[in-house]
Amino acid sequence: GEVGTGKTLLCRKLLNELPDHFVSAY
């Protein structure tokens, strides 16, 4: 997405809402 379209917000939302069986590396 272009600059300022909310990619980092989506990134953090994904991290917050990953199912329990996922181990995340950010």
PDB file of all heavy atoms in Angstrom:
ATOM      1  N   GLY A   1       0.838  -1.195   0.000  1.00  0.00           N
ATOM      2  CA  GLY A   1       0.000   0.000   0.000  1.00  0.00           C
ATOM      3  C   GLY A   1       0.866   1.236   0.000  1.00  0.00           C
ATOM      4  O   GLY A   1       2.029   1.191   0.425  1.00  0.00           O
ATOM      5  N   GLU A   2       0.309   2.326  -0.482  1.00  0.00           N
ATOM      6  CA  GLU A   2       1.052   3.586  -0.513  1.00  0.00           C
ATOM      7  C   GLU A   2       1.353   4.054   0.906  1.00  0.00           C
ATOM      8  O   GLU A   2       0.763   3.576   1.875  1.00  0.00           O
ATOM      9  CB  GLU A   2       0.250   4.661  -1.260  1.00  0.00           C
ATOM     10  CG  GLU A   2       0.308   4.554  -2.776  1.00  0.00           C
ATOM     11  CD  GLU A   2       1.695   4.855  -3.336  1.00  0.00           C
ATOM     12  OE1 GLU A   2       2.554   5.379  -2.588  1.00  0.00           O
ATOM     13  OE2 GLU A   2       1.922   4.581  -4.527  1.00  0.00           O
ATOM     14  N   VAL A   3       2.259   5.001   1.004  1.00  0.00           N
ATOM     15  CA  VAL A   3       2.613   5.580   2.300  1.00  0.00           C
ATOM     16  C   VAL A   3       1.358   6.127   2.979  1.00  0.00           C
ATOM     17  O   VAL A   3       0.557   6.827   2.356  1.00  0.00           O
ATOM     18  CB  VAL A   3       3.641   6.710   2.106  1.00  0.00           C
ATOM     19  CG1 VAL A   3       3.923   7.422   3.420  1.00  0.00           C
ATOM     20  CG2 VAL A   3       4.928   6.167   1.514  1.00  0.00           C
ATOM     21  N   GLY A   4       1.170   5.765   4.247  1.00  0.00           N
ATOM     22  CA  GLY A   4       0.060   6.323   5.022  1.00  0.00           C
ATOM     23  C   GLY A   4      -1.267   5.618   4.885  1.00  0.00           C
ATOM     24  O   GLY A   4      -2.289   6.112   5.380  1.00  0.00           O
ATOM     25  N   THR A   5      -1.296   4.448   4.237  1.00  0.00           N
ATOM     26  CA  THR A   5      -2.580   3.762   4.041  1.00  0.00           C
ATOM     27  C   THR A   5      -2.917   2.791   5.166  1.00  0.00           C
ATOM     28  O   THR A   5      -3.958   2.135   5.128  1.00  0.00           O
ATOM     29  CB  THR A   5      -2.597   3.003   2.696  1.00  0.00           C
ATOM     30  OG1 THR A   5      -1.415   2.202   2.582  1.00  0.00           O
ATOM     31  CG2 THR A   5      -2.677   3.976   1.530  1.00  0.00           C
ATOM     32  N   GLY A   6      -2.056   2.663   6.172  1.00  0.00           N
ATOM     33  CA  GLY A   6      -2.401   1.865   7.350  1.00  0.00           C
ATOM     34  C   GLY A   6      -1.761   0.492   7.410  1.00  0.00           C
ATOM     35  O   GLY A   6      -2.277  -0.392   8.098  1.00  0.00           O
ATOM     36  N   LYS A   7      -0.616   0.308   6.755  1.00  0.00           N
ATOM     37  CA  LYS A   7       0.025  -1.009   6.755  1.00  0.00           C
ATOM     38  C   LYS A   7       0.511  -1.410   8.152  1.00  0.00           C
ATOM     39  O   LYS A   7       0.319  -2.546   8.577  1.00  0.00           O
ATOM     40  CB  LYS A   7       1.198  -1.012   5.766  1.00  0.00           C
ATOM     41  CG  LYS A   7       0.796  -0.785   4.316  1.00  0.00           C
ATOM     42  CD  LYS A   7       1.977  -0.837   3.392  1.00  0.00           C
ATOM     43  CE  LYS A   7       2.980   0.268   3.655  1.00  0.00           C
ATOM     44  NZ  LYS A   7       2.428   1.617   3.438  1.00  0.00           N
ATOM     45  N   THR A   8       1.152  -0.484   8.856  1.00  0.00           N
ATOM     46  CA  THR A   8       1.667  -0.811  10.180  1.00  0.00           C
ATOM     47  C   THR A   8       0.534  -1.088  11.162  1.00  0.00           C
ATOM     48  O   THR A   8       0.637  -1.968  12.017  1.00  0.00           O
ATOM     49  CB  THR A   8       2.567   0.323  10.707  1.00  0.00           C
ATOM     50  OG1 THR A   8       3.675   0.501   9.810  1.00  0.00           O
ATOM     51  CG2 THR A   8       3.101   0.009  12.090  1.00  0.00           C
ATOM     52  N   LEU A   9      -0.568  -0.346  11.034  1.00  0.00           N
ATOM     53  CA  LEU A   9      -1.736  -0.605  11.880  1.00  0.00           C
ATOM     54  C   LEU A   9      -2.258  -2.018  11.651  1.00  0.00           C
ATOM     55  O   LEU A   9      -2.557  -2.753  12.605  1.00  0.00           O
ATOM     56  CB  LEU A   9      -2.832   0.419  11.588  1.00  0.00           C
ATOM     57  CG  LEU A   9      -4.140   0.258  12.365  1.00  0.00           C
ATOM     58  CD1 LEU A   9      -3.914   0.477  13.856  1.00  0.00           C
ATOM     59  CD2 LEU A   9      -5.201   1.219  11.845  1.00  0.00           C
ATOM     60  N   LEU A  10      -2.354  -2.419  10.379  1.00  0.00           N
ATOM     61  CA  LEU A  10      -2.806  -3.773  10.052  1.00  0.00           C
ATOM     62  C   LEU A  10      -1.825  -4.812  10.580  1.00  0.00           C
ATOM     63  O   LEU A  10      -2.218  -5.880  11.072  1.00  0.00           O
ATOM     64  CB  LEU A  10      -2.944  -3.934   8.530  1.00  0.00           C
ATOM     65  CG  LEU A  10      -4.256  -3.483   7.901  1.00  0.00           C
ATOM     66  CD1 LEU A  10      -4.202  -3.707   6.400  1.00  0.00           C
ATOM     67  CD2 LEU A  10      -5.428  -4.233   8.496  1.00  0.00           C
ATOM     68  N   CYS A  11      -0.556  -4.497  10.467  1.00  0.00           N
ATOM     69  CA  CYS A  11       0.483  -5.395  10.945  1.00  0.00           C
ATOM     70  C   CYS A  11       0.307  -5.666  12.440  1.00  0.00           C
ATOM     71  O   CYS A  11       0.345  -6.817  12.900  1.00  0.00           O
ATOM     72  CB  CYS A  11       1.847  -4.761  10.663  1.00  0.00           C
ATOM     73  SG  CYS A  11       3.245  -5.809  11.030  1.00  0.00           S
ATOM     74  N   ARG A  12       0.090  -4.608  13.203  1.00  0.00           N
ATOM     75  CA  ARG A  12      -0.078  -4.757  14.654  1.00  0.00           C
ATOM     76  C   ARG A  12      -1.396  -5.442  15.002  1.00  0.00           C
ATOM     77  O   ARG A  12      -1.471  -6.207  15.966  1.00  0.00           O
ATOM     78  CB  ARG A  12       0.016  -3.394  15.324  1.00  0.00           C
ATOM     79  CG  ARG A  12       1.402  -2.787  15.203  1.00  0.00           C
ATOM     80  CD  ARG A  12       1.559  -1.533  16.032  1.00  0.00           C
ATOM     81  NE  ARG A  12       2.907  -0.987  15.902  1.00  0.00           N
ATOM     82  CZ  ARG A  12       3.333   0.095  16.532  1.00  0.00           C
ATOM     83  NH1 ARG A  12       2.515   0.758  17.338  1.00  0.00           N
ATOM     84  NH2 ARG A  12       4.562   0.518  16.373  1.00  0.00           N
ATOM     85  N   LYS A  13      -2.417  -5.161  14.217  1.00  0.00           N
ATOM     86  CA  LYS A  13      -3.703  -5.825  14.466  1.00  0.00           C
ATOM     87  C   LYS A  13      -3.571  -7.324  14.215  1.00  0.00           C
ATOM     88  O   LYS A  13      -4.109  -8.139  14.981  1.00  0.00           O
ATOM     89  CB  LYS A  13      -4.794  -5.230  13.578  1.00  0.00           C
ATOM     90  CG  LYS A  13      -6.174  -5.813  13.865  1.00  0.00           C
ATOM     91  CD  LYS A  13      -7.260  -5.061  13.162  1.00  0.00           C
ATOM     92  CE  LYS A  13      -8.632  -5.683  13.430  1.00  0.00           C
ATOM     93  NZ  LYS A  13      -8.981  -5.710  14.862  1.00  0.00           N
ATOM     94  N   LEU A  14      -2.864  -7.688  13.160  1.00  0.00           N
ATOM     95  CA  LEU A  14      -2.633  -9.101  12.874  1.00  0.00           C
ATOM     96  C   LEU A  14      -1.879  -9.763  14.019  1.00  0.00           C
ATOM     97  O   LEU A  14      -2.234 -10.865  14.464  1.00  0.00           O
ATOM     98  CB  LEU A  14      -1.851  -9.249  11.568  1.00  0.00           C
ATOM     99  CG  LEU A  14      -1.472 -10.683  11.167  1.00  0.00           C
ATOM    100  CD1 LEU A  14      -2.718 -11.516  10.899  1.00  0.00           C
ATOM    101  CD2 LEU A  14      -0.559 -10.675   9.938  1.00  0.00           C
ATOM    102  N   LEU A  15      -0.853  -9.100  14.520  1.00  0.00           N
ATOM    103  CA  LEU A  15      -0.083  -9.647  15.637  1.00  0.00           C
ATOM    104  C   LEU A  15      -0.966  -9.851  16.874  1.00  0.00           C
ATOM    105  O   LEU A  15      -0.841 -10.855  17.576  1.00  0.00           O
ATOM    106  CB  LEU A  15       1.072  -8.707  15.985  1.00  0.00           C
ATOM    107  CG  LEU A  15       2.300  -8.767  15.076  1.00  0.00           C
ATOM    108  CD1 LEU A  15       3.206  -7.566  15.322  1.00  0.00           C
ATOM    109  CD2 LEU A  15       3.068 -10.061  15.309  1.00  0.00           C
ATOM    110  N   ASN A  16      -1.864  -8.889  17.119  1.00  0.00           N
ATOM    111  CA  ASN A  16      -2.740  -8.967  18.294  1.00  0.00           C
ATOM    112  C   ASN A  16      -3.788 -10.059  18.179  1.00  0.00           C
ATOM    113  O   ASN A  16      -4.273 -10.569  19.199  1.00  0.00           O
ATOM    114  CB  ASN A  16      -3.440  -7.626  18.527  1.00  0.00           C
ATOM    115  CG  ASN A  16      -2.481  -6.538  18.970  1.00  0.00           C
ATOM    116  OD1 ASN A  16      -1.370  -6.817  19.405  1.00  0.00           O
ATOM    117  ND2 ASN A  16      -2.906  -5.290  18.844  1.00  0.00           N
ATOM    118  N   GLU A  17      -4.157 -10.420  16.941  1.00  0.00           N
ATOM    119  CA  GLU A  17      -5.285 -11.326  16.745  1.00  0.00           C
ATOM    120  C   GLU A  17      -4.893 -12.683  16.194  1.00  0.00           C
ATOM    121  O   GLU A  17      -5.755 -13.461  15.785  1.00  0.00           O
ATOM    122  CB  GLU A  17      -6.319 -10.658  15.830  1.00  0.00           C
ATOM    123  CG  GLU A  17      -6.907  -9.384  16.420  1.00  0.00           C
ATOM    124  CD  GLU A  17      -7.993  -8.767  15.559  1.00  0.00           C
ATOM    125  OE1 GLU A  17      -8.268  -9.323  14.475  1.00  0.00           O
ATOM    126  OE2 GLU A  17      -8.557  -7.743  15.973  1.00  0.00           O
ATOM    127  N   LEU A  18      -3.593 -12.997  16.172  1.00  0.00           N
ATOM    128  CA  LEU A  18      -3.181 -14.325  15.710  1.00  0.00           C
ATOM    129  C   LEU A  18      -3.766 -15.395  16.617  1.00  0.00           C
ATOM    130  O   LEU A  18      -3.776 -15.246  17.844  1.00  0.00           O
ATOM    131  CB  LEU A  18      -1.657 -14.426  15.719  1.00  0.00           C
ATOM    132  CG  LEU A  18      -0.894 -13.799  14.549  1.00  0.00           C
ATOM    133  CD1 LEU A  18       0.601 -13.853  14.821  1.00  0.00           C
ATOM    134  CD2 LEU A  18      -1.227 -14.491  13.238  1.00  0.00           C
ATOM    135  N   PRO A  19      -4.256 -16.485  16.051  1.00  0.00           N
ATOM    136  CA  PRO A  19      -4.748 -17.592  16.891  1.00  0.00           C
ATOM    137  C   PRO A  19      -3.654 -18.092  17.837  1.00  0.00           C
ATOM    138  O   PRO A  19      -2.461 -17.922  17.578  1.00  0.00           O
ATOM    139  CB  PRO A  19      -5.129 -18.663  15.858  1.00  0.00           C
ATOM    140  CG  PRO A  19      -5.412 -17.890  14.604  1.00  0.00           C
ATOM    141  CD  PRO A  19      -4.460 -16.730  14.612  1.00  0.00           C
ATOM    142  N   ASP A  20      -4.074 -18.729  18.915  1.00  0.00           N
ATOM    143  CA  ASP A  20      -3.143 -19.136  19.965  1.00  0.00           C
ATOM    144  C   ASP A  20      -2.063 -20.098  19.487  1.00  0.00           C
ATOM    145  O   ASP A  20      -0.978 -20.158  20.069  1.00  0.00           O
ATOM    146  CB  ASP A  20      -3.913 -19.768  21.135  1.00  0.00           C
ATOM    147  CG  ASP A  20      -4.775 -18.755  21.872  1.00  0.00           C
ATOM    148  OD1 ASP A  20      -4.473 -17.543  21.765  1.00  0.00           O
ATOM    149  OD2 ASP A  20      -5.746 -19.166  22.538  1.00  0.00           O
ATOM    150  N   HIS A  21      -2.353 -20.879  18.443  1.00  0.00           N
ATOM    151  CA  HIS A  21      -1.369 -21.883  18.023  1.00  0.00           C
ATOM    152  C   HIS A  21      -0.253 -21.293  17.158  1.00  0.00           C
ATOM    153  O   HIS A  21       0.645 -22.019  16.730  1.00  0.00           O
ATOM    154  CB  HIS A  21      -2.063 -23.027  17.270  1.00  0.00           C
ATOM    155  CG  HIS A  21      -2.563 -22.653  15.909  1.00  0.00           C
ATOM    156  ND1 HIS A  21      -3.762 -21.995  15.706  1.00  0.00           N
ATOM    157  CD2 HIS A  21      -2.026 -22.840  14.673  1.00  0.00           C
ATOM    158  CE1 HIS A  21      -3.950 -21.805  14.415  1.00  0.00           C
ATOM    159  NE2 HIS A  21      -2.915 -22.305  13.754  1.00  0.00           N
ATOM    160  N   PHE A  22      -0.298 -19.975  16.928  1.00  0.00           N
ATOM    161  CA  PHE A  22       0.771 -19.325  16.161  1.00  0.00           C
ATOM    162  C   PHE A  22       1.815 -18.726  17.091  1.00  0.00           C
ATOM    163  O   PHE A  22       1.482 -18.091  18.095  1.00  0.00           O
ATOM    164  CB  PHE A  22       0.210 -18.209  15.277  1.00  0.00           C
ATOM    165  CG  PHE A  22      -0.294 -18.685  13.943  1.00  0.00           C
ATOM    166  CD1 PHE A  22      -1.659 -18.841  13.721  1.00  0.00           C
ATOM    167  CD2 PHE A  22       0.595 -18.988  12.923  1.00  0.00           C
ATOM    168  CE1 PHE A  22      -2.124 -19.279  12.495  1.00  0.00           C
ATOM    169  CE2 PHE A  22       0.137 -19.427  11.691  1.00  0.00           C
ATOM    170  CZ  PHE A  22      -1.227 -19.579  11.481  1.00  0.00           C
ATOM    171  N   VAL A  23       3.071 -18.936  16.758  1.00  0.00           N
ATOM    172  CA  VAL A  23       4.188 -18.250  17.399  1.00  0.00           C
ATOM    173  C   VAL A  23       4.657 -17.185  16.422  1.00  0.00           C
ATOM    174  O   VAL A  23       4.954 -17.492  15.261  1.00  0.00           O
ATOM    175  CB  VAL A  23       5.344 -19.220  17.716  1.00  0.00           C
ATOM    176  CG1 VAL A  23       6.560 -18.460  18.249  1.00  0.00           C
ATOM    177  CG2 VAL A  23       4.892 -20.275  18.708  1.00  0.00           C
ATOM    178  N   SER A  24       4.693 -15.928  16.861  1.00  0.00           N
ATOM    179  CA  SER A  24       5.025 -14.837  15.941  1.00  0.00           C
ATOM    180  C   SER A  24       6.439 -14.333  16.154  1.00  0.00           C
ATOM    181  O   SER A  24       6.951 -14.304  17.269  1.00  0.00           O
ATOM    182  CB  SER A  24       4.037 -13.679  16.105  1.00  0.00           C
ATOM    183  OG  SER A  24       4.149 -13.114  17.394  1.00  0.00           O
ATOM    184  N   ALA A  25       7.056 -13.936  15.053  1.00  0.00           N
ATOM    185  CA  ALA A  25       8.338 -13.224  15.062  1.00  0.00           C
ATOM    186  C   ALA A  25       8.119 -11.949  14.268  1.00  0.00           C
ATOM    187  O   ALA A  25       7.636 -11.997  13.131  1.00  0.00           O
ATOM    188  CB  ALA A  25       9.437 -14.081  14.434  1.00  0.00           C
ATOM    189  N   TYR A  26       8.427 -10.817  14.855  1.00  0.00           N
ATOM    190  CA  TYR A  26       8.094  -9.513  14.258  1.00  0.00           C
ATOM    191  C   TYR A  26       9.371  -8.712  14.019  1.00  0.00           C
ATOM    192  O   TYR A  26      10.141  -8.471  14.942  1.00  0.00           O
ATOM    193  CB  TYR A  26       7.140  -8.760  15.183  1.00  0.00           C
ATOM    194  CG  TYR A  26       6.796  -7.353  14.741  1.00  0.00           C
ATOM    195  CD1 TYR A  26       6.368  -7.092  13.445  1.00  0.00           C
ATOM    196  CD2 TYR A  26       6.874  -6.286  15.637  1.00  0.00           C
ATOM    197  CE1 TYR A  26       6.033  -5.804  13.044  1.00  0.00           C
ATOM    198  CE2 TYR A  26       6.536  -4.998  15.246  1.00  0.00           C
ATOM    199  CZ  TYR A  26       6.118  -4.762  13.949  1.00  0.00           C
ATOM    200  OH  TYR A  26       5.797  -3.487  13.559  1.00  0.00           O
TER     201      TYR A  26
END
